[in-house]
Amino acid sequence: MNKSFWFPLIASIGTMIFLYVIGFLAKVDMLVFKFSLSYTEISLLPIFIGMVVGFICERIMKLKVRS
């Protein structure tokens, strides 16, 4: 696979992990992943932000290839 696939994927996953770690360390409920035997709670904000970062990274790479 070429780097036009890997860079946006790594950027989005890295952003998601970074935001979940920040949420865990700072105890921010909007950025935290909680699970127990009775329920699982996943914050969707880091997922959405990670997807946006991936799309932006992909667009930047396409613009650089064109120019």
C-alpha atoms as a PDB file:
ATOM      1  CA  MET A   1       0.000   0.000   0.000  1.00  0.00           C
ATOM      2  CA  ASN A   2       1.219   3.466  -0.779  1.00  0.00           C
ATOM      3  CA  LYS A   3       1.680   6.340   1.617  1.00  0.00           C
ATOM      4  CA  SER A   4      -1.461   8.122   0.397  1.00  0.00           C
ATOM      5  CA  PHE A   5      -3.344   5.458   2.364  1.00  0.00           C
ATOM      6  CA  TRP A   6      -1.094   5.144   5.428  1.00  0.00           C
ATOM      7  CA  PHE A   7      -0.531   8.799   6.399  1.00  0.00           C
ATOM      8  CA  PRO A   8      -4.225   9.716   6.849  1.00  0.00           C
ATOM      9  CA  LEU A   9      -4.905   6.417   8.629  1.00  0.00           C
ATOM     10  CA  ILE A  10      -2.014   6.859  11.061  1.00  0.00           C
ATOM     11  CA  ALA A  11      -2.921  10.523  11.599  1.00  0.00           C
ATOM     12  CA  SER A  12      -6.539   9.704  12.439  1.00  0.00           C
ATOM     13  CA  ILE A  13      -5.759   6.747  14.711  1.00  0.00           C
ATOM     14  CA  GLY A  14      -2.957   8.688  16.396  1.00  0.00           C
ATOM     15  CA  THR A  15      -5.285  11.620  17.041  1.00  0.00           C
ATOM     16  CA  MET A  16      -7.925   9.326  18.525  1.00  0.00           C
ATOM     17  CA  ILE A  17      -5.410   7.657  20.835  1.00  0.00           C
ATOM     18  CA  PHE A  18      -3.940  11.019  21.838  1.00  0.00           C
ATOM     19  CA  LEU A  19      -7.364  12.434  22.720  1.00  0.00           C
ATOM     20  CA  TYR A  20      -8.360   9.326  24.693  1.00  0.00           C
ATOM     21  CA  VAL A  21      -5.080   9.503  26.647  1.00  0.00           C
ATOM     22  CA  ILE A  22      -5.617  13.205  27.364  1.00  0.00           C
ATOM     23  CA  GLY A  23      -9.160  12.424  28.518  1.00  0.00           C
ATOM     24  CA  PHE A  24      -7.924   9.617  30.760  1.00  0.00           C
ATOM     25  CA  LEU A  25      -5.106  11.619  32.327  1.00  0.00           C
ATOM     26  CA  ALA A  26      -7.084  14.846  32.773  1.00  0.00           C
ATOM     27  CA  LYS A  27     -10.320  13.013  33.681  1.00  0.00           C
ATOM     28  CA  VAL A  28     -12.321  14.779  30.963  1.00  0.00           C
ATOM     29  CA  ASP A  29     -15.596  12.885  30.548  1.00  0.00           C
ATOM     30  CA  MET A  30     -16.045  13.977  26.918  1.00  0.00           C
ATOM     31  CA  LEU A  31     -12.768  12.279  25.917  1.00  0.00           C
ATOM     32  CA  VAL A  32     -12.813   9.101  27.964  1.00  0.00           C
ATOM     33  CA  PHE A  33     -13.475   5.422  27.206  1.00  0.00           C
ATOM     34  CA  LYS A  34     -15.180   3.661  30.122  1.00  0.00           C
ATOM     35  CA  PHE A  35     -16.081   0.011  30.343  1.00  0.00           C
ATOM     36  CA  SER A  36     -17.222  -2.366  33.045  1.00  0.00           C
ATOM     37  CA  LEU A  37     -19.192  -5.594  33.217  1.00  0.00           C
ATOM     38  CA  SER A  38     -22.533  -3.806  33.279  1.00  0.00           C
ATOM     39  CA  TYR A  39     -21.995  -1.126  30.620  1.00  0.00           C
ATOM     40  CA  THR A  40     -19.572   0.306  28.090  1.00  0.00           C
ATOM     41  CA  GLU A  41     -19.362   4.017  27.361  1.00  0.00           C
ATOM     42  CA  ILE A  42     -17.403   5.313  24.391  1.00  0.00           C
ATOM     43  CA  SER A  43     -16.961   9.002  23.750  1.00  0.00           C
ATOM     44  CA  LEU A  44     -17.510   9.720  20.068  1.00  0.00           C
ATOM     45  CA  LEU A  45     -15.780  13.112  20.068  1.00  0.00           C
ATOM     46  CA  PRO A  46     -12.234  11.700  19.640  1.00  0.00           C
ATOM     47  CA  ILE A  47     -13.496   9.422  16.858  1.00  0.00           C
ATOM     48  CA  PHE A  48     -15.068  12.317  14.956  1.00  0.00           C
ATOM     49  CA  ILE A  49     -12.025  14.547  15.448  1.00  0.00           C
ATOM     50  CA  GLY A  50      -9.750  11.718  14.310  1.00  0.00           C
ATOM     51  CA  MET A  51     -11.823  11.237  11.166  1.00  0.00           C
ATOM     52  CA  VAL A  52     -11.660  14.960  10.401  1.00  0.00           C
ATOM     53  CA  VAL A  53      -7.879  14.956  10.855  1.00  0.00           C
ATOM     54  CA  GLY A  54      -7.623  11.981   8.490  1.00  0.00           C
ATOM     55  CA  PHE A  55      -9.716  13.725   5.831  1.00  0.00           C
ATOM     56  CA  ILE A  56      -7.709  16.947   6.161  1.00  0.00           C
ATOM     57  CA  CYS A  57      -4.441  15.008   5.889  1.00  0.00           C
ATOM     58  CA  GLU A  58      -5.703  13.258   2.768  1.00  0.00           C
ATOM     59  CA  ARG A  59      -6.758  16.546   1.139  1.00  0.00           C
ATOM     60  CA  ILE A  60      -3.399  18.157   1.909  1.00  0.00           C
ATOM     61  CA  MET A  61      -1.588  15.217   0.342  1.00  0.00           C
ATOM     62  CA  LYS A  62      -3.775  15.402  -2.781  1.00  0.00           C
ATOM     63  CA  LEU A  63      -3.155  19.152  -3.107  1.00  0.00           C
ATOM     64  CA  LYS A  64       0.619  18.643  -2.840  1.00  0.00           C
ATOM     65  CA  VAL A  65       0.548  15.951  -5.519  1.00  0.00           C
ATOM     66  CA  ARG A  66      -1.366  18.222  -7.911  1.00  0.00           C
ATOM     67  CA  SER A  67       1.025  21.139  -7.504  1.00  0.00           C
END
